[in-house]
Amino acid sequence: MTVPKPTGSALTELTMRALAEGIRTRAFSAEEVVAAHLDRIEERNPQINAIVSLRAEEALDDARALDALTARGLSRGPLHGIPIAVKDLMDVAGLRTTHGSRIYVDHVATADSVIVSKMREAGAVFVGKTNVPEFGVGSHTFNEVFGVTRNPYDTARSAGGSSGGAAAAVTSGMLPIADGSDLGGSIRNPASFGNLVGLRPTAGRVASARPGNAWDPGSVLGPLARNVSDAAALLGVISGPERRAPMAIDEDPAQFFALAPRPFAGARIAYSADLGGLPLDPEVRAATDAAARLAADLGAEVVPVDVDLSEADLVFETFRSLEFLDGHGEEAAAHPELVKQTLKDDIAWASGFDAALIARAAGARTRLFRRFQALFEDYDMVLAPCVQVLPFPVEWEYPTEIDGVTMDRYYAWQRSCSRITATAMPSLAMPMTFSRAGLPIGVQFVGPYRADRALLEFGLTWEAAVADVIARRPVL
């Protein structure tokens, strides 16, 4: 029996690894793959607004050049012919990097960022950029340059952020995979809102040469995908040593290309239902409890644990504000009329810090790291809620209360992610279920420092257990 060759929109339903294999074996061409995704962008992006700074004709030219290499039996690498749109915080030579800010609306990058250079070397075809909130501030993607990004499952709802454009593009089939960045949940929140797999890797796993404090483990780069294998493959491309990044992990990235499902049977999982007493939407709480039961059904010993995160908010909020003071303080001072209030607030908080507070936060970060490493002597993973809320209306800047509890800061509604950031541990966001209104709800699995591969292998097992949830794609 002859299997029909996938064409047109059918190509956008394939996994990234299936696309790469099809291009390699010449079952279809890179040009066909890129053209199919460009057609999907033309069809769906007007509703979602995930892709910005589109370069359609140039991408097709790049794909044809790669097809010429394929015809000679050559390949650039694992992403040979794969369409990618890069988060609009990262530089792609010749493309605008606006950071979602009116300050940089006309800024064109002259060189690739480290992550982009690795994707280019691996054969990626850049079709444009993905939308972000201004300077990546906040976990709802909107700005005054490109507007708001909408959730493909309900376009009246947020796609999350700051990798909201990336997640919405992957969820809707406009891209097979995407890069993201995560400080307080900017990969994990949009992954949960989009029924996706999203990995916040160990700091240094994906190296960066961006300006600022290169010793801070808070902000990291990582993958978003519709399945674990694709997320792992992209991680394999973008990870590895980098001489300009002092925290870069010197391990072979090839380890992420050949994963095997790691059974839950025999594993011990610490279950934190609310990460230190955080308020949760009742449907999120029910979904997280259901995830604990599913983990037990898969054979794990699931133990409710009162994880001590009492110093996590101090750690995260201190170093987050310092990062924004360092990265954007001068811009905000020079162009106050062009910068949103939440960024000004972060900068103002940091400007008021004294040495004693910073020293206390630094000590707390060390204690938190060691506390979690000690926890992982007894447990393989921590299972916890990924988000505290369901995707919220796009008109909101951010949720101001959860289950009757008022949020004290603009990012307080995402402390389920930011408290994990403070530990410096890797975290894998995975799909779990849907709300009564048809909105995705994910969970996160937190692993020991540098245990990114083990998390992904556990993720393969989880993925099989929730296959029906993952298969539920949005209808647009």
Protein backbone atom coordinates (compact mmCIF):
# COMPACT_ATOMS: atom_id res chain seq x y z
CA MET A 1 0.00 0.00 0.00
CA THR A 2 1.39 3.40 -1.00
CA VAL A 3 1.25 6.09 1.65
CA PRO A 4 0.11 9.40 0.16
CA LYS A 5 2.74 12.09 0.14
CA PRO A 6 1.79 14.88 2.58
CA THR A 7 1.33 18.18 0.82
CA GLY A 8 0.10 21.67 1.62
CA SER A 9 -1.50 22.10 5.02
CA ALA A 10 -0.88 18.42 5.89
CA LEU A 11 2.81 19.30 6.20
CA THR A 12 2.02 21.71 9.02
CA GLU A 13 0.56 18.83 11.05
CA LEU A 14 3.79 16.81 11.01
CA THR A 15 6.31 16.88 13.82
CA MET A 16 9.53 18.78 13.32
CA ARG A 17 11.52 15.55 13.28
CA ALA A 18 9.18 14.05 10.67
CA LEU A 19 9.61 17.16 8.54
CA ALA A 20 13.39 16.97 8.85
CA GLU A 21 13.39 13.29 7.89
CA GLY A 22 11.09 13.93 4.93
CA ILE A 23 13.35 16.68 3.64
CA ARG A 24 16.43 14.49 4.14
CA THR A 25 14.93 11.56 2.20
CA ARG A 26 13.43 13.93 -0.42
CA ALA A 27 9.89 12.76 0.30
CA PHE A 28 9.16 16.48 0.05
CA SER A 29 11.29 19.58 -0.29
CA ALA A 30 12.28 22.30 2.12
CA GLU A 31 10.56 24.73 -0.22
CA GLU A 32 7.30 22.79 0.10
CA VAL A 33 7.60 22.73 3.90
CA VAL A 34 8.34 26.43 4.16
CA ALA A 35 5.61 27.30 1.66
CA ALA A 36 3.04 25.25 3.60
CA HIS A 37 3.88 27.05 6.83
CA LEU A 38 3.81 30.43 5.10
CA ASP A 39 0.34 29.58 3.79
CA ARG A 40 -0.71 28.65 7.32
CA ILE A 41 0.71 31.96 8.58
CA GLU A 42 -1.24 33.85 5.92
CA GLU A 43 -4.40 31.98 6.90
CA ARG A 44 -4.15 32.12 10.70
CA ASN A 45 -1.88 34.94 11.74
CA PRO A 46 -4.48 37.67 11.12
CA GLN A 47 -6.61 36.05 13.86
CA ILE A 48 -3.75 35.37 16.28
CA ASN A 49 -0.98 37.91 15.62
CA ALA A 50 1.85 35.62 16.64
CA ILE A 51 4.28 36.19 13.74
CA VAL A 52 5.80 39.62 13.12
CA SER A 53 8.44 40.96 10.72
CA LEU A 54 7.60 38.26 8.16
CA ARG A 55 10.19 37.55 5.42
CA ALA A 56 8.26 35.20 3.15
CA GLU A 57 10.07 35.52 -0.19
CA GLU A 58 13.51 35.50 1.39
CA ALA A 59 12.57 32.36 3.35
CA LEU A 60 11.50 30.59 0.16
CA ASP A 61 14.81 31.55 -1.46
CA ASP A 62 16.66 30.13 1.55
CA ALA A 63 14.64 26.91 1.32
CA ARG A 64 15.48 26.49 -2.36
CA ALA A 65 19.17 26.89 -1.57
CA LEU A 66 18.88 24.14 1.03
CA ASP A 67 17.08 21.90 -1.47
CA ALA A 68 20.05 22.32 -3.80
CA LEU A 69 22.27 21.00 -1.01
CA THR A 70 19.89 18.09 -0.38
CA ALA A 71 20.05 17.16 -4.06
CA ARG A 72 23.83 16.82 -3.65
CA GLY A 73 23.40 14.55 -0.63
CA LEU A 74 24.34 17.28 1.83
CA SER A 75 22.62 18.55 4.97
CA ARG A 76 23.23 21.53 7.18
CA GLY A 77 22.02 19.70 10.28
CA PRO A 78 18.97 18.71 12.35
CA LEU A 79 16.95 21.79 11.32
CA HIS A 80 17.76 21.55 7.60
CA GLY A 81 14.78 23.22 5.89
CA ILE A 82 12.72 23.71 9.07
CA PRO A 83 10.85 27.06 9.26
CA ILE A 84 11.59 29.05 12.40
CA ALA A 85 10.46 32.45 13.66
CA VAL A 86 12.69 33.77 16.42
CA LYS A 87 11.42 35.48 19.57
CA ASP A 88 11.60 39.24 19.03
CA LEU A 89 14.10 39.65 21.86
CA MET A 90 16.78 37.76 19.90
CA ASP A 91 18.80 39.20 17.01
CA VAL A 92 18.58 37.73 13.51
CA ALA A 93 20.97 39.46 11.12
CA GLY A 94 19.04 41.63 8.66
CA LEU A 95 15.74 41.46 10.58
CA ARG A 96 14.17 43.94 12.97
CA THR A 97 14.58 43.28 16.68
CA THR A 98 12.01 45.58 18.24
CA HIS A 99 11.77 44.04 21.74
CA GLY A 100 8.11 45.01 21.37
CA SER A 101 9.17 48.59 22.12
CA ARG A 102 8.56 51.81 20.22
CA ILE A 103 12.13 52.76 21.13
CA TYR A 104 13.39 50.03 18.77
CA VAL A 105 10.65 49.99 16.15
CA ASP A 106 13.18 50.59 13.35
CA HIS A 107 16.14 48.68 14.81
CA VAL A 108 17.61 46.12 12.39
CA ALA A 109 20.07 43.57 13.76
CA THR A 110 23.48 43.40 12.09
CA ALA A 111 24.52 40.02 13.54
CA ASP A 112 22.92 36.83 14.84
CA SER A 113 22.55 36.19 18.55
CA VAL A 114 24.23 33.01 19.81
CA ILE A 115 21.02 30.96 19.78
CA VAL A 116 20.18 32.13 16.25
CA SER A 117 23.66 31.35 14.96
CA LYS A 118 23.27 27.78 16.23
CA MET A 119 19.88 27.40 14.55
CA ARG A 120 21.23 28.87 11.32
CA GLU A 121 24.20 26.48 11.38
CA ALA A 122 21.73 23.60 11.85
CA GLY A 123 19.84 24.58 8.69
CA ALA A 124 16.86 26.56 10.00
CA VAL A 125 14.94 28.79 7.60
CA PHE A 126 13.99 32.05 9.29
CA VAL A 127 10.50 33.19 8.29
CA GLY A 128 10.23 36.10 10.73
CA LYS A 129 9.99 36.86 14.43
CA THR A 130 7.46 36.00 17.16
CA ASN A 131 5.63 38.66 19.13
CA VAL A 132 6.57 39.59 22.71
CA PRO A 133 5.41 41.98 25.43
CA GLU A 134 7.49 45.13 25.65
CA PHE A 135 11.03 44.08 26.62
CA GLY A 136 9.60 40.69 27.61
CA VAL A 137 8.03 42.24 30.72
CA GLY A 138 4.95 40.35 31.91
CA SER A 139 3.36 37.07 30.94
CA HIS A 140 0.77 38.48 28.53
CA THR A 141 1.93 39.27 24.99
CA PHE A 142 0.94 42.74 23.83
CA ASN A 143 2.82 45.87 22.82
CA GLU A 144 2.32 49.17 21.02
CA VAL A 145 4.35 48.10 18.00
CA PHE A 146 2.48 44.98 16.86
CA GLY A 147 -0.52 44.67 19.18
CA VAL A 148 -1.80 41.69 21.17
CA THR A 149 -1.23 37.99 20.53
CA ARG A 150 -4.33 35.82 20.97
CA ASN A 151 -4.78 32.27 22.19
CA PRO A 152 -5.59 29.86 19.34
CA TYR A 153 -7.99 27.92 21.57
CA ASP A 154 -10.01 31.08 22.24
CA THR A 155 -8.93 34.26 20.47
CA ALA A 156 -10.59 36.37 23.17
CA ARG A 157 -7.99 35.00 25.63
CA SER A 158 -4.29 35.57 26.31
CA ALA A 159 -1.63 33.32 24.80
CA GLY A 160 0.60 34.03 27.79
CA GLY A 161 4.07 35.43 27.56
CA SER A 162 6.62 36.59 27.18
CA SER A 163 7.01 33.77 24.62
CA GLY A 164 3.33 34.16 23.76
CA GLY A 165 3.90 34.70 20.05
CA ALA A 166 6.16 31.66 19.91
CA ALA A 167 3.65 29.44 21.70
CA ALA A 168 0.63 30.64 19.72
CA ALA A 169 2.50 30.08 16.44
CA VAL A 170 3.38 26.49 17.38
CA THR A 171 -0.06 25.73 18.79
CA SER A 172 -1.78 26.92 15.61
CA GLY A 173 0.57 25.09 13.20
CA MET A 174 2.26 28.22 11.86
CA LEU A 175 5.58 26.84 13.13
CA PRO A 176 6.62 23.29 14.07
CA ILE A 177 8.85 24.47 16.95
CA ALA A 178 9.96 27.76 18.48
CA ASP A 179 12.53 29.23 20.81
CA GLY A 180 11.50 30.99 23.98
CA SER A 181 13.02 32.60 27.04
CA ASP A 182 11.97 32.19 30.66
CA LEU A 183 12.60 34.39 33.67
CA GLY A 184 9.41 34.18 35.69
CA GLY A 185 7.57 31.65 33.55
CA SER A 186 7.85 33.00 30.01
CA ILE A 187 8.18 29.54 28.46
CA ARG A 188 6.09 27.60 30.96
CA ASN A 189 3.05 29.91 31.14
CA PRO A 190 2.50 30.09 27.35
CA ALA A 191 3.15 26.35 27.10
CA SER A 192 0.35 25.73 29.59
CA PHE A 193 -1.94 28.25 27.87
CA GLY A 194 -1.23 26.60 24.50
CA ASN A 195 -1.32 22.86 25.33
CA LEU A 196 2.39 22.61 24.54
CA VAL A 197 5.63 21.16 25.88
CA GLY A 198 7.96 23.86 27.19
CA LEU A 199 11.29 23.41 28.94
CA ARG A 200 12.93 25.92 31.22
CA PRO A 201 16.43 24.37 31.12
CA THR A 202 19.10 24.57 33.77
CA ALA A 203 20.80 27.96 33.58
CA GLY A 204 23.74 27.72 31.20
CA ARG A 205 22.30 24.80 29.23
CA VAL A 206 21.50 27.25 26.42
CA ALA A 207 24.22 29.86 26.45
CA SER A 208 23.71 33.53 25.69
CA ALA A 209 26.13 36.38 25.08
CA ARG A 210 23.60 39.13 25.77
CA PRO A 211 24.65 42.21 27.75
CA GLY A 212 24.08 42.31 31.49
CA ASN A 213 24.91 40.07 34.42
CA ALA A 214 26.13 36.84 32.83
CA TRP A 215 26.31 35.21 36.28
CA ASP A 216 22.60 35.51 36.99
CA PRO A 217 20.77 32.15 36.55
CA GLY A 218 17.33 33.78 36.34
CA SER A 219 16.70 34.34 32.64
CA VAL A 220 17.23 31.29 30.41
CA LEU A 221 16.51 30.26 26.82
CA GLY A 222 14.69 27.06 25.86
CA PRO A 223 12.34 25.25 23.46
CA LEU A 224 8.59 25.12 22.83
CA ALA A 225 7.03 22.31 20.79
CA ARG A 226 3.94 20.17 20.37
CA ASN A 227 5.79 17.08 21.63
CA VAL A 228 8.74 16.18 23.81
CA SER A 229 10.93 14.76 21.05
CA ASP A 230 10.81 17.99 19.05
CA ALA A 231 11.49 20.09 22.15
CA ALA A 232 14.49 17.89 22.94
CA ALA A 233 15.81 18.14 19.38
CA LEU A 234 15.66 21.93 19.43
CA LEU A 235 17.38 21.90 22.82
CA GLY A 236 20.10 19.75 21.28
CA VAL A 237 20.64 22.37 18.57
CA ILE A 238 20.74 25.44 20.79
CA SER A 239 22.59 24.06 23.83
CA GLY A 240 26.32 23.62 24.32
CA PRO A 241 29.37 25.54 25.51
CA GLU A 242 29.96 29.20 24.69
CA ARG A 243 33.17 30.97 25.72
CA ARG A 244 31.39 34.30 26.36
CA ALA A 245 28.93 32.70 28.81
CA PRO A 246 30.63 31.87 32.13
CA MET A 247 27.79 29.61 33.30
CA ALA A 248 27.63 27.64 30.03
CA ILE A 249 27.36 23.87 30.59
CA ASP A 250 30.08 21.95 28.80
CA GLU A 251 28.14 18.78 27.94
CA ASP A 252 27.54 17.12 24.59
CA PRO A 253 24.25 18.45 23.14
CA ALA A 254 23.85 15.19 21.19
CA GLN A 255 22.42 13.64 24.36
CA PHE A 256 19.07 15.27 23.56
CA PHE A 257 18.64 13.63 20.15
CA ALA A 258 18.26 10.06 21.41
CA LEU A 259 15.89 9.93 24.36
CA ALA A 260 14.07 6.89 25.71
CA PRO A 261 10.90 7.04 27.83
CA ARG A 262 11.78 6.89 31.52
CA PRO A 263 9.13 4.93 33.44
CA PHE A 264 7.25 6.47 36.34
CA ALA A 265 7.15 3.02 37.94
CA GLY A 266 9.69 3.08 40.75
CA ALA A 267 10.06 6.87 40.67
CA ARG A 268 9.39 9.00 43.74
CA ILE A 269 7.59 12.29 43.10
CA ALA A 270 7.18 15.09 45.63
CA TYR A 271 3.77 16.65 45.08
CA SER A 272 3.40 20.33 45.90
CA ALA A 273 -0.26 21.20 45.39
CA ASP A 274 0.17 24.97 45.70
CA LEU A 275 3.91 25.73 45.99
CA GLY A 276 3.79 27.21 49.44
CA GLY A 277 0.19 28.33 49.75
CA LEU A 278 -0.38 30.11 46.44
CA PRO A 279 -3.98 30.83 45.42
CA LEU A 280 -5.12 28.83 42.39
CA ASP A 281 -8.11 28.93 40.12
CA PRO A 282 -10.28 26.00 41.28
CA GLU A 283 -10.01 24.31 37.87
CA VAL A 284 -6.22 24.58 37.99
CA ARG A 285 -6.20 23.06 41.47
CA ALA A 286 -8.43 20.18 40.32
CA ALA A 287 -6.24 19.58 37.26
CA THR A 288 -3.06 19.48 39.37
CA ASP A 289 -4.64 17.03 41.81
CA ALA A 290 -5.67 14.89 38.81
CA ALA A 291 -2.08 14.98 37.59
CA ALA A 292 -0.87 13.61 40.93
CA ARG A 293 -3.35 10.75 40.65
CA LEU A 294 -2.27 10.04 37.08
CA ALA A 295 1.39 9.95 38.14
CA ALA A 296 0.45 7.39 40.79
CA ASP A 297 -1.52 5.39 38.23
CA LEU A 298 1.64 5.31 36.11
CA GLY A 299 3.45 3.62 38.99
CA ALA A 300 5.16 6.49 40.79
CA GLU A 301 5.16 6.91 44.53
CA VAL A 302 3.58 10.35 44.87
CA VAL A 303 4.19 11.97 48.25
CA PRO A 304 2.54 15.28 49.25
CA VAL A 305 5.37 17.53 50.39
CA ASP A 306 5.26 20.97 51.98
CA VAL A 307 8.12 22.46 49.98
CA ASP A 308 9.82 25.33 51.82
CA LEU A 309 9.64 28.26 49.39
CA SER A 310 9.46 30.93 52.05
CA GLU A 311 12.40 32.88 50.60
CA ALA A 312 11.61 32.32 46.91
CA ASP A 313 9.71 35.57 46.34
CA LEU A 314 12.52 37.58 47.91
CA VAL A 315 15.04 35.89 45.62
CA PHE A 316 13.05 36.19 42.43
CA GLU A 317 11.74 39.71 42.93
CA THR A 318 15.10 41.14 43.98
CA PHE A 319 17.10 39.75 41.09
CA ARG A 320 14.33 40.31 38.55
CA SER A 321 14.21 44.01 39.38
CA LEU A 322 17.99 44.26 39.30
CA GLU A 323 18.01 42.69 35.84
CA PHE A 324 15.56 45.25 34.52
CA LEU A 325 17.41 48.13 36.17
CA ASP A 326 20.62 46.94 34.53
CA GLY A 327 19.07 46.11 31.17
CA HIS A 328 16.54 48.91 30.69
CA GLY A 329 17.11 51.59 33.31
CA GLU A 330 18.82 53.99 30.91
CA GLU A 331 16.19 53.44 28.21
CA ALA A 332 13.35 54.08 30.64
CA ALA A 333 15.05 57.25 31.89
CA ALA A 334 15.68 58.53 28.37
CA HIS A 335 12.24 57.64 26.97
CA PRO A 336 9.77 57.50 29.89
CA GLU A 337 6.85 58.23 27.57
CA LEU A 338 7.66 55.12 25.50
CA VAL A 339 8.02 52.60 28.34
CA LYS A 340 5.11 50.86 30.08
CA GLN A 341 4.45 51.40 33.75
CA THR A 342 5.19 47.86 34.91
CA LEU A 343 8.76 48.12 33.63
CA LYS A 344 9.14 51.50 35.34
CA ASP A 345 7.87 49.91 38.55
CA ASP A 346 10.49 47.14 38.42
CA ILE A 347 13.24 49.66 37.79
CA ALA A 348 12.00 51.87 40.63
CA TRP A 349 11.93 48.94 43.07
CA ALA A 350 15.52 48.04 42.20
CA SER A 351 16.65 51.66 42.55
CA GLY A 352 15.49 51.53 46.17
CA PHE A 353 17.41 48.38 47.13
CA ASP A 354 20.23 48.65 49.65
CA ALA A 355 23.27 46.41 49.99
CA ALA A 356 21.78 44.55 52.94
CA LEU A 357 18.70 43.50 50.94
CA ILE A 358 20.76 42.32 47.98
CA ALA A 359 23.09 40.36 50.26
CA ARG A 360 20.10 38.76 52.01
CA ALA A 361 18.57 37.77 48.65
CA ALA A 362 21.87 36.29 47.48
CA GLY A 363 22.17 34.18 50.62
CA ALA A 364 18.54 33.10 50.31
CA ARG A 365 19.15 31.99 46.71
CA THR A 366 21.99 29.75 47.86
CA ARG A 367 19.88 28.28 50.66
CA LEU A 368 16.99 27.63 48.29
CA PHE A 369 19.24 25.89 45.78
CA ARG A 370 20.73 23.61 48.43
CA ARG A 371 17.32 22.91 49.96
CA PHE A 372 16.03 21.64 46.61
CA GLN A 373 19.16 19.64 45.87
CA ALA A 374 18.69 17.95 49.24
CA LEU A 375 15.04 17.27 48.37
CA PHE A 376 16.17 15.53 45.20
CA GLU A 377 18.24 13.09 47.22
CA ASP A 378 14.88 11.52 48.14
CA TYR A 379 12.74 12.35 45.09
CA ASP A 380 13.20 12.18 41.33
CA MET A 381 10.95 15.14 40.58
CA VAL A 382 8.58 17.69 42.05
CA LEU A 383 5.11 17.85 40.51
CA ALA A 384 3.40 21.23 40.84
CA PRO A 385 0.88 23.52 39.17
CA CYS A 386 2.36 25.33 36.18
CA VAL A 387 -0.04 28.26 36.12
CA GLN A 388 -2.33 29.69 38.77
CA VAL A 389 -5.04 30.88 36.38
CA LEU A 390 -6.73 29.93 33.14
CA PRO A 391 -5.97 31.97 29.99
CA PHE A 392 -7.52 35.34 30.79
CA PRO A 393 -9.19 38.00 28.58
CA VAL A 394 -6.81 39.75 26.19
CA GLU A 395 -8.09 43.13 27.40
CA TRP A 396 -6.52 42.58 30.82
CA GLU A 397 -2.92 43.67 31.33
CA TYR A 398 -2.62 40.99 34.01
CA PRO A 399 -4.86 39.20 36.54
CA THR A 400 -5.37 41.31 39.65
CA GLU A 401 -6.88 38.56 41.84
CA ILE A 402 -7.03 34.78 42.02
CA ASP A 403 -9.81 32.94 43.84
CA GLY A 404 -10.56 36.06 45.87
CA VAL A 405 -6.91 36.86 46.69
CA THR A 406 -5.62 40.25 45.48
CA MET A 407 -2.29 40.21 43.64
CA ASP A 408 0.25 42.60 45.19
CA ARG A 409 2.39 42.97 42.06
CA TYR A 410 1.82 42.72 38.31
CA TYR A 411 3.60 39.36 38.13
CA ALA A 412 2.26 37.89 41.38
CA TRP A 413 -0.22 35.71 39.46
CA GLN A 414 2.67 33.70 38.01
CA ARG A 415 4.51 32.89 41.23
CA SER A 416 3.86 29.20 40.56
CA CYS A 417 6.59 29.60 37.95
CA SER A 418 8.74 32.35 39.47
CA ARG A 419 9.21 30.45 42.74
CA ILE A 420 10.72 27.58 40.76
CA THR A 421 12.94 30.04 38.87
CA ALA A 422 14.33 31.10 42.25
CA THR A 423 15.52 27.54 42.93
CA ALA A 424 17.63 27.42 39.71
CA MET A 425 16.20 23.95 38.95
CA PRO A 426 15.06 22.93 35.44
CA SER A 427 11.31 22.65 34.88
CA LEU A 428 9.29 20.91 32.19
CA ALA A 429 5.79 22.21 31.43
CA MET A 430 3.51 19.46 30.11
CA PRO A 431 -0.14 19.34 29.01
CA MET A 432 -2.65 17.87 31.46
CA THR A 433 -6.27 18.64 30.62
CA PHE A 434 -8.78 21.27 29.48
CA SER A 435 -11.09 23.48 31.49
CA ARG A 436 -14.86 23.30 31.19
CA ALA A 437 -14.62 26.18 28.68
CA GLY A 438 -12.07 24.32 26.55
CA LEU A 439 -8.93 26.12 27.73
CA PRO A 440 -5.67 24.18 28.22
CA ILE A 441 -4.24 23.54 31.69
CA GLY A 442 -0.70 22.23 32.14
CA VAL A 443 1.48 21.08 35.01
CA GLN A 444 5.21 21.34 35.63
CA PHE A 445 7.75 18.73 36.60
CA VAL A 446 10.82 20.13 38.38
CA GLY A 447 14.04 18.15 38.38
CA PRO A 448 17.49 18.34 39.96
CA TYR A 449 20.08 20.82 38.73
CA ARG A 450 21.30 19.80 35.25
CA ALA A 451 18.82 16.90 35.05
CA ASP A 452 17.27 18.27 31.84
CA ARG A 453 17.57 14.99 29.97
CA ALA A 454 15.92 12.97 32.74
CA LEU A 455 13.02 15.44 32.83
CA LEU A 456 12.51 15.10 29.09
CA GLU A 457 12.59 11.30 29.33
CA PHE A 458 9.96 11.38 32.07
CA GLY A 459 8.11 13.76 29.76
CA LEU A 460 8.00 11.12 27.02
CA THR A 461 6.16 8.79 29.39
CA TRP A 462 3.79 11.52 30.51
CA GLU A 463 3.14 12.51 26.89
CA ALA A 464 1.94 9.00 26.08
CA ALA A 465 -0.39 9.06 29.09
CA VAL A 466 -2.04 12.33 28.01
CA ALA A 467 -1.94 11.68 24.26
CA ASP A 468 -5.65 12.44 23.87
CA VAL A 469 -5.13 15.86 25.47
CA ILE A 470 -2.14 16.69 23.28
CA ALA A 471 -4.06 15.60 20.17
CA ARG A 472 -6.76 18.20 20.85
CA ARG A 473 -5.60 20.98 18.56
CA PRO A 474 -7.39 24.33 18.20
CA VAL A 475 -9.98 24.84 15.47
CA LEU A 476 -9.63 28.15 13.69
